[in-house]
Protein backbone atom coordinates (compact mmCIF):
# COMPACT_ATOMS: atom_id res chain seq x y z
CA MET A 1 0.00 0.00 0.00
CA ASN A 2 1.38 3.38 -0.99
CA MET A 3 0.47 6.13 1.43
CA VAL A 4 0.02 9.74 0.34
CA LEU A 5 1.39 12.35 2.73
CA GLY A 6 -1.43 13.51 5.03
CA GLN A 7 -3.68 10.56 4.23
CA GLU A 8 -4.84 8.66 7.31
CA MET A 9 -5.63 4.98 7.79
CA CYS A 10 -9.11 3.93 8.91
CA GLU A 11 -9.50 0.67 10.82
CA ALA A 12 -12.37 -1.76 11.41
CA LYS A 13 -12.47 -5.06 13.31
CA SER A 14 -12.66 -8.01 10.93
CA ILE A 15 -16.09 -9.61 10.67
CA ASN A 16 -14.94 -13.04 9.49
CA PHE A 17 -11.69 -13.58 11.44
CA LYS A 18 -12.19 -16.14 14.21
CA GLY A 19 -10.05 -16.59 17.31
CA MET A 20 -6.95 -14.80 18.53
CA CYS A 21 -4.85 -13.10 15.86
CA LEU A 22 -1.34 -14.55 16.02
CA LYS A 23 -0.13 -14.18 12.41
CA TRP A 24 -0.73 -10.91 10.57
CA ARG A 25 -0.59 -12.68 7.20
CA ASN A 26 -3.70 -14.71 8.06
CA CYS A 27 -5.44 -11.53 9.21
CA LYS A 28 -4.46 -9.72 6.01
CA GLN A 29 -5.89 -12.52 3.83
CA VAL A 30 -9.22 -12.41 5.68
CA CYS A 31 -9.31 -8.60 5.37
CA ILE A 32 -8.61 -8.82 1.63
CA SER A 33 -11.56 -11.22 1.30
CA GLU A 34 -13.68 -8.59 3.11
CA GLY A 35 -12.65 -5.90 0.58
CA PHE A 36 -9.86 -4.19 2.55
CA PRO A 37 -6.32 -3.81 1.15
CA ASP A 38 -4.57 -4.58 4.46
CA GLY A 39 -4.98 -6.10 7.92
CA ARG A 40 -2.94 -6.38 11.12
CA CYS A 41 -3.14 -7.97 14.56
CA LYS A 42 -3.62 -5.31 17.24
CA GLY A 43 -4.20 -4.94 20.95
CA PHE A 44 -3.32 -6.80 24.14
CA ILE A 45 -5.98 -9.40 23.31
CA ARG A 46 -4.88 -9.84 19.70
CA LYS A 47 -7.69 -9.04 17.28
CA CYS A 48 -7.61 -8.82 13.51
CA VAL A 49 -8.10 -5.22 12.40
CA CYS A 50 -8.67 -4.42 8.73
CA ARG A 51 -7.23 -1.18 7.36
CA LYS A 52 -7.85 1.11 4.39
CA PHE A 53 -7.21 4.72 3.50
CA CYS A 54 -9.86 7.10 4.84
CA LEU A 55 -12.00 8.94 2.33
CA LEU A 56 -11.29 12.65 2.36
CA ASN A 57 -14.27 15.00 2.24
């Protein structure tokens, strides 16, 4: 993903990812299937969080 200067990332918890997120590659694949370009494991209790660039108004 190429980021433009000043463009922020928006995040949403994955709908389809089940269980604790231990490998970000698995999370990313689930996020891609949900229509997001990227995904990462985040938080103390590891959850899969999908990421995309925010729409600018």
